[in-house]
Amino acid sequence: MKEHKNKIIVSIIAIIILVGIIIVSTVGFKVNLKYHANKKIEINMSKKFELDDIKKIASDVLDEKVIAQKVEIYEDAVKIVAEEINEEEKNEIVNKINEKYELNIESNEIKVEEVANARIRDLVKPYFTPFIVLTLVILIYMVLRYYRLNSFMVFYKTILNTMVGQAITFSLFAIFRIEIGFLTVPIAIVTYILTMMYLAKKFEEESDELKKEEE
């Protein structure tokens, strides 16, 4: 019965990963606006402003999802990011901002800049070295702590489960079209921690069973 249940679980995991690979290979991940190719404009307001006002103006003009962020140390400039901003839309945004805040910003002095698509590996790059170091430390601990269970198998299961856990996580991101963004790394870390907790529990159970057999 237990063996049959394990086969079902393995089959489900294999299907999830396979479907995830197919989706990533065909349509790719759904990436947060901040991380995929977009266009931006930066406007020097020269005065305090409400970010929500700027975002509403940009959203109304562009009729799509936008990101509005304050820039500069005095927060008197704003950056507007969207998938597409043409010259006519830029001019309309500037005119509406001028009207809202009684400014005289020249739209011809503002350029629409293209931002290249950010690679996912660039997103996770800062965490790569700490992840490798932490994994090595955990591997050494696992192998020494559970050496009676066969050090090679402990090493193999730890590596395999870690890879499978991350593969499932990113496959679910692809399948359910969850945006790759600032929450991606925290979610991957939580998955990593849960995987290690699961492994430690399993190794403890196997170790206890081995002790009972030896008694």
Foldseek 3Di string as FASTA:
>chain_A
DVVVVVVVVVVVLVVLLVLLVVLCVPVRAAADQVAAKWKKKKAQQVDDDDQVVLLVLLCVLVVDDKDKDQDDPVSRMIMIIDRDDDLVSQVSSVVVSCVVVVHDDDSVVMDIDIDHHHDVCVVCVVVVVVVVVVLVVLLVCQLVVLVVVPSVVSNVVLVVLLVSLLSSLSSCSSVVNPHPDPCSVVVNVVSNVVSSVVSVVVSVVVVVVVVVVVD
